[in-house]
């Protein structure tokens, strides 16, 4: 019984704190010039990806995301810093965002075209 209680308490604490903390620190925005994303739990990171540097825009929907009508988007560049990931957004909004980014990246002259 103690083993169950010891493993249950951290899980419940995580479930109580994680949504509010995630909502507080994770942000994203897409404009005609760039994609902006803020993330991080302890070390917070702010990333700006100019649309001229975007190479691919991918959508990911796992089983749990499908169950709740959510999606994740990955905006990839050629840089070694990695991709910008936007997680847990509405599926329709994700589709509209991918379409918008595809149009914008084709219209912006630069390195990735």
C-alpha atoms as a PDB file:
ATOM      1  CA  UNK A   1       0.000   0.000   0.000  1.00  0.00           C
ATOM      2  CA  UNK A   2       2.830   2.428   0.809  1.00  0.00           C
ATOM      3  CA  UNK A   3       4.471   1.796  -2.570  1.00  0.00           C
ATOM      4  CA  UNK A   4       1.210   2.702  -4.317  1.00  0.00           C
ATOM      5  CA  UNK A   5       0.809   5.836  -2.229  1.00  0.00           C
ATOM      6  CA  UNK A   6       4.421   6.909  -2.796  1.00  0.00           C
ATOM      7  CA  UNK A   7       4.081   6.538  -6.572  1.00  0.00           C
ATOM      8  CA  UNK A   8       0.588   8.071  -6.688  1.00  0.00           C
ATOM      9  CA  UNK A   9       1.401  11.343  -4.884  1.00  0.00           C
ATOM     10  CA  UNK A  10       4.029  12.620  -7.399  1.00  0.00           C
ATOM     11  CA  UNK A  11       1.722  11.711 -10.285  1.00  0.00           C
ATOM     12  CA  UNK A  12      -1.194  13.630  -8.794  1.00  0.00           C
ATOM     13  CA  UNK A  13       1.053  16.581  -8.010  1.00  0.00           C
ATOM     14  CA  UNK A  14       2.326  16.586 -11.604  1.00  0.00           C
ATOM     15  CA  UNK A  15      -1.241  16.467 -12.961  1.00  0.00           C
ATOM     16  CA  UNK A  16      -2.261  19.381 -10.731  1.00  0.00           C
ATOM     17  CA  UNK A  17       0.693  21.670 -11.516  1.00  0.00           C
ATOM     18  CA  UNK A  18       1.641  20.840 -15.114  1.00  0.00           C
ATOM     19  CA  UNK A  19      -1.361  22.302 -17.033  1.00  0.00           C
ATOM     20  CA  UNK A  20      -1.218  25.693 -15.298  1.00  0.00           C
ATOM     21  CA  UNK A  21       2.567  25.922 -15.629  1.00  0.00           C
ATOM     22  CA  UNK A  22       2.490  24.884 -19.290  1.00  0.00           C
ATOM     23  CA  UNK A  23      -0.196  27.464 -20.043  1.00  0.00           C
ATOM     24  CA  UNK A  24       1.894  30.114 -18.279  1.00  0.00           C
ATOM     25  CA  UNK A  25       5.195  29.536 -20.135  1.00  0.00           C
ATOM     26  CA  UNK A  26       4.364  28.066 -23.572  1.00  0.00           C
ATOM     27  CA  UNK A  27       3.428  30.565 -26.279  1.00  0.00           C
ATOM     28  CA  UNK A  28       3.565  30.753 -30.074  1.00  0.00           C
ATOM     29  CA  UNK A  29       2.720  33.223 -32.819  1.00  0.00           C
ATOM     30  CA  UNK A  30       2.950  33.179 -36.607  1.00  0.00           C
ATOM     31  CA  UNK A  31       3.261  36.416 -38.580  1.00  0.00           C
ATOM     32  CA  UNK A  32       4.029  37.255 -42.211  1.00  0.00           C
ATOM     33  CA  UNK A  33       7.737  37.460 -41.314  1.00  0.00           C
ATOM     34  CA  UNK A  34       8.419  34.707 -38.739  1.00  0.00           C
ATOM     35  CA  UNK A  35       7.206  31.995 -36.388  1.00  0.00           C
ATOM     36  CA  UNK A  36       7.776  32.758 -32.692  1.00  0.00           C
ATOM     37  CA  UNK A  37       7.681  30.152 -29.926  1.00  0.00           C
ATOM     38  CA  UNK A  38       8.343  30.296 -26.188  1.00  0.00           C
ATOM     39  CA  UNK A  39       8.766  27.102 -24.190  1.00  0.00           C
ATOM     40  CA  UNK A  40      10.545  25.551 -21.259  1.00  0.00           C
ATOM     41  CA  UNK A  41       9.929  24.363 -17.739  1.00  0.00           C
ATOM     42  CA  UNK A  42      12.928  25.529 -15.753  1.00  0.00           C
ATOM     43  CA  UNK A  43      15.028  27.071 -18.530  1.00  0.00           C
ATOM     44  CA  UNK A  44      12.754  29.114 -20.731  1.00  0.00           C
ATOM     45  CA  UNK A  45      13.573  29.479 -24.402  1.00  0.00           C
ATOM     46  CA  UNK A  46      12.315  32.008 -26.968  1.00  0.00           C
ATOM     47  CA  UNK A  47      12.800  30.982 -30.608  1.00  0.00           C
ATOM     48  CA  UNK A  48      12.258  33.065 -33.731  1.00  0.00           C
ATOM     49  CA  UNK A  49      12.247  31.347 -37.125  1.00  0.00           C
ATOM     50  CA  UNK A  50      12.180  33.718 -40.122  1.00  0.00           C
ATOM     51  CA  UNK A  51       9.900  32.377 -42.853  1.00  0.00           C
ATOM     52  CA  UNK A  52      12.753  32.646 -45.347  1.00  0.00           C
ATOM     53  CA  UNK A  53      14.551  29.895 -43.336  1.00  0.00           C
ATOM     54  CA  UNK A  54      11.622  27.451 -43.064  1.00  0.00           C
ATOM     55  CA  UNK A  55      12.160  24.208 -44.969  1.00  0.00           C
ATOM     56  CA  UNK A  56       9.266  22.008 -43.834  1.00  0.00           C
ATOM     57  CA  UNK A  57       6.085  22.310 -41.812  1.00  0.00           C
ATOM     58  CA  UNK A  58       4.821  18.991 -40.432  1.00  0.00           C
ATOM     59  CA  UNK A  59       1.713  17.979 -38.506  1.00  0.00           C
ATOM     60  CA  UNK A  60       1.669  15.181 -35.940  1.00  0.00           C
ATOM     61  CA  UNK A  61      -1.397  13.615 -34.303  1.00  0.00           C
ATOM     62  CA  UNK A  62      -0.869  10.804 -31.845  1.00  0.00           C
ATOM     63  CA  UNK A  63      -3.713   8.655 -30.505  1.00  0.00           C
ATOM     64  CA  UNK A  64      -4.305  10.831 -27.433  1.00  0.00           C
ATOM     65  CA  UNK A  65      -4.220  14.020 -29.512  1.00  0.00           C
ATOM     66  CA  UNK A  66      -6.752  12.488 -31.913  1.00  0.00           C
ATOM     67  CA  UNK A  67      -8.992  11.567 -28.990  1.00  0.00           C
ATOM     68  CA  UNK A  68      -9.068  15.214 -27.830  1.00  0.00           C
ATOM     69  CA  UNK A  69      -9.092  16.857 -31.309  1.00  0.00           C
ATOM     70  CA  UNK A  70      -5.571  18.267 -30.971  1.00  0.00           C
ATOM     71  CA  UNK A  71      -2.473  18.388 -33.194  1.00  0.00           C
ATOM     72  CA  UNK A  72       1.180  19.274 -33.047  1.00  0.00           C
ATOM     73  CA  UNK A  73       3.142  21.249 -35.641  1.00  0.00           C
ATOM     74  CA  UNK A  74       6.883  21.117 -36.291  1.00  0.00           C
ATOM     75  CA  UNK A  75       8.516  23.980 -38.222  1.00  0.00           C
ATOM     76  CA  UNK A  76      11.910  22.791 -39.450  1.00  0.00           C
ATOM     77  CA  UNK A  77      14.859  24.868 -40.637  1.00  0.00           C
ATOM     78  CA  UNK A  78      18.327  23.972 -41.876  1.00  0.00           C
ATOM     79  CA  UNK A  79      19.989  25.285 -38.721  1.00  0.00           C
ATOM     80  CA  UNK A  80      21.564  23.006 -36.148  1.00  0.00           C
ATOM     81  CA  UNK A  81      19.401  24.543 -33.415  1.00  0.00           C
ATOM     82  CA  UNK A  82      16.545  22.226 -34.369  1.00  0.00           C
ATOM     83  CA  UNK A  83      12.887  22.706 -35.085  1.00  0.00           C
ATOM     84  CA  UNK A  84      10.194  24.800 -33.439  1.00  0.00           C
ATOM     85  CA  UNK A  85       7.439  22.589 -32.055  1.00  0.00           C
ATOM     86  CA  UNK A  86       3.944  23.821 -31.310  1.00  0.00           C
ATOM     87  CA  UNK A  87       2.050  21.183 -29.336  1.00  0.00           C
ATOM     88  CA  UNK A  88      -1.529  20.736 -28.218  1.00  0.00           C
ATOM     89  CA  UNK A  89      -3.410  23.077 -30.528  1.00  0.00           C
ATOM     90  CA  UNK A  90      -6.841  22.534 -32.028  1.00  0.00           C
ATOM     91  CA  UNK A  91      -6.747  20.267 -35.097  1.00  0.00           C
ATOM     92  CA  UNK A  92      -8.585  22.738 -37.361  1.00  0.00           C
ATOM     93  CA  UNK A  93      -6.361  25.608 -36.216  1.00  0.00           C
ATOM     94  CA  UNK A  94      -3.291  23.438 -36.894  1.00  0.00           C
ATOM     95  CA  UNK A  95      -4.491  22.742 -40.447  1.00  0.00           C
ATOM     96  CA  UNK A  96      -5.129  26.436 -41.062  1.00  0.00           C
ATOM     97  CA  UNK A  97      -1.715  27.341 -39.623  1.00  0.00           C
ATOM     98  CA  UNK A  98       0.110  24.796 -41.802  1.00  0.00           C
ATOM     99  CA  UNK A  99      -1.696  26.105 -44.882  1.00  0.00           C
ATOM    100  CA  UNK A 100      -0.883  29.711 -43.918  1.00  0.00           C
ATOM    101  CA  UNK A 101       2.796  28.927 -43.323  1.00  0.00           C
ATOM    102  CA  UNK A 102       3.034  27.049 -46.616  1.00  0.00           C
ATOM    103  CA  UNK A 103       1.639  30.063 -48.499  1.00  0.00           C
ATOM    104  CA  UNK A 104       3.879  32.506 -46.630  1.00  0.00           C
ATOM    105  CA  UNK A 105       7.083  30.513 -47.089  1.00  0.00           C
ATOM    106  CA  UNK A 106       6.460  30.242 -50.828  1.00  0.00           C
ATOM    107  CA  UNK A 107       5.883  33.990 -51.057  1.00  0.00           C
ATOM    108  CA  UNK A 108       8.968  35.012 -49.020  1.00  0.00           C
ATOM    109  CA  UNK A 109      12.201  35.061 -51.010  1.00  0.00           C
ATOM    110  CA  UNK A 110      15.233  33.819 -49.171  1.00  0.00           C
ATOM    111  CA  UNK A 111      17.542  30.931 -48.365  1.00  0.00           C
ATOM    112  CA  UNK A 112      14.963  28.153 -48.169  1.00  0.00           C
ATOM    113  CA  UNK A 113      13.333  28.754 -51.561  1.00  0.00           C
END
